[in-house]
Amino acid sequence: MKTQEDDLLVYDEDDAVKFIMNFLPAEFKSKIDDTKIEYVLDVVYEYYEENGLIDEDSTEEASIDEEDMLNFIIDCAKKDKMNMAEDEVELILEGEYQYGKSLGIYKEEE
């Protein structure tokens, strides 16, 4: 049986970046580069840590407030002077979600 720990071992940030780049619509490929994607992935991890959503001793699924996470990332991007529009962040997050689904990390909510 596949465990969440197995899923985390499969998650590769370089692969995630490539997956997200391929996921992006053509009109965004000139606006979003690897640096922006890596930044968002790092801030997502920071969000998970700050909200207690990462517990290495637990395999319980966490429920994520997507709007709260989006606002957190946008606020961080402004503070860090990353030139990112909200729609760019949303696309990166959707691409990351699709990457996680392809690995079996995320499941559709019912």
Protein backbone atom coordinates (compact mmCIF):
# COMPACT_ATOMS: atom_id res chain seq x y z
CA MET A 1 0.00 0.00 0.00
CA LYS A 2 1.29 3.45 -0.94
CA THR A 3 1.75 5.81 2.00
CA GLN A 4 1.92 9.59 2.15
CA GLU A 5 5.60 9.23 3.03
CA ASP A 6 6.12 7.40 -0.27
CA ASP A 7 4.35 10.26 -2.07
CA LEU A 8 6.62 12.84 -0.48
CA LEU A 9 9.67 10.89 -1.59
CA VAL A 10 8.34 10.94 -5.16
CA TYR A 11 7.70 14.72 -5.16
CA ASP A 12 10.60 16.31 -6.94
CA GLU A 13 10.70 20.11 -7.15
CA ASP A 14 12.60 20.08 -10.45
CA ASP A 15 9.98 17.77 -11.95
CA ALA A 16 7.23 19.94 -10.46
CA VAL A 17 8.69 23.05 -12.12
CA LYS A 18 8.88 21.28 -15.50
CA PHE A 19 5.33 19.94 -15.09
CA ILE A 20 4.00 23.41 -14.21
CA MET A 21 5.81 25.04 -17.14
CA ASN A 22 4.17 22.50 -19.47
CA PHE A 23 0.80 23.08 -17.77
CA LEU A 24 0.83 26.85 -18.36
CA PRO A 25 -1.19 28.28 -21.26
CA ALA A 26 1.02 29.63 -24.06
CA GLU A 27 0.19 33.27 -23.28
CA PHE A 28 1.68 32.90 -19.78
CA LYS A 29 4.90 31.11 -20.73
CA SER A 30 6.61 34.45 -21.45
CA LYS A 31 5.48 35.92 -18.10
CA ILE A 32 6.19 32.99 -15.79
CA ASP A 33 9.67 31.53 -15.51
CA ASP A 34 11.29 28.86 -13.34
CA THR A 35 12.20 31.46 -10.71
CA LYS A 36 8.57 32.47 -10.16
CA ILE A 37 7.46 28.85 -9.98
CA GLU A 38 10.22 27.94 -7.51
CA TYR A 39 9.33 31.00 -5.42
CA VAL A 40 5.64 30.01 -5.23
CA LEU A 41 6.55 26.40 -4.35
CA ASP A 42 8.81 27.65 -1.55
CA VAL A 43 6.11 29.96 -0.18
CA VAL A 44 3.53 27.15 -0.35
CA TYR A 45 5.85 25.04 1.82
CA GLU A 46 6.26 28.01 4.19
CA TYR A 47 2.46 28.36 4.35
CA TYR A 48 2.10 24.66 5.17
CA GLU A 49 4.68 24.94 7.96
CA GLU A 50 3.19 28.11 9.48
CA ASN A 51 -0.28 26.55 9.51
CA GLY A 52 0.78 23.20 10.94
CA LEU A 53 -0.11 21.34 7.76
CA ILE A 54 3.14 19.42 7.60
CA ASP A 55 3.46 16.70 10.18
CA GLU A 56 6.04 14.09 9.32
CA ASP A 57 4.57 11.71 11.92
CA SER A 58 1.06 11.79 10.46
CA THR A 59 -0.49 10.43 7.30
CA GLU A 60 -3.76 12.27 7.88
CA GLU A 61 -5.02 14.41 5.03
CA ALA A 62 -5.04 18.12 5.65
CA SER A 63 -7.70 20.51 4.45
CA ILE A 64 -6.23 23.63 2.90
CA ASP A 65 -7.99 26.98 2.69
CA GLU A 66 -7.03 27.78 -0.90
CA GLU A 67 -8.07 31.43 -0.69
CA ASP A 68 -6.06 31.95 2.48
CA MET A 69 -3.02 30.30 0.89
CA LEU A 70 -3.38 32.42 -2.27
CA ASN A 71 -3.56 35.61 -0.18
CA PHE A 72 -0.53 34.49 1.85
CA ILE A 73 1.50 33.94 -1.34
CA ILE A 74 0.43 37.26 -2.86
CA ASP A 75 1.32 39.11 0.35
CA CYS A 76 4.73 37.39 0.47
CA ALA A 77 5.36 38.18 -3.20
CA LYS A 78 4.61 41.86 -2.61
CA LYS A 79 6.82 41.93 0.48
CA ASP A 80 9.65 40.19 -1.40
CA LYS A 81 9.17 42.47 -4.42
CA MET A 82 8.37 39.59 -6.75
CA ASN A 83 6.58 40.97 -9.77
CA MET A 84 3.68 38.51 -9.91
CA ALA A 85 0.05 39.03 -10.82
CA GLU A 86 -2.67 37.13 -8.98
CA ASP A 87 -3.59 35.16 -12.11
CA GLU A 88 0.03 34.02 -12.45
CA VAL A 89 0.07 32.76 -8.86
CA GLU A 90 -3.28 31.00 -9.41
CA LEU A 91 -1.96 29.24 -12.52
CA ILE A 92 1.20 28.12 -10.74
CA LEU A 93 -0.89 26.78 -7.84
CA GLU A 94 -3.21 24.94 -10.22
CA GLY A 95 -0.20 23.46 -12.01
CA GLU A 96 1.28 22.35 -8.69
CA TYR A 97 -2.06 20.80 -7.73
CA GLN A 98 -2.21 18.91 -11.03
CA TYR A 99 1.38 17.72 -10.49
CA GLY A 100 0.48 16.49 -7.00
CA LYS A 101 -2.63 14.75 -8.35
CA SER A 102 -0.50 13.01 -10.99
CA LEU A 103 1.58 11.57 -8.13
CA GLY A 104 -1.43 10.63 -6.01
CA ILE A 105 -0.58 13.19 -3.31
CA TYR A 106 -3.76 15.23 -3.77
CA LYS A 107 -7.27 13.95 -4.21
CA GLU A 108 -10.37 15.71 -5.49
CA GLU A 109 -12.61 16.91 -2.68
CA GLU A 110 -16.04 15.37 -2.75
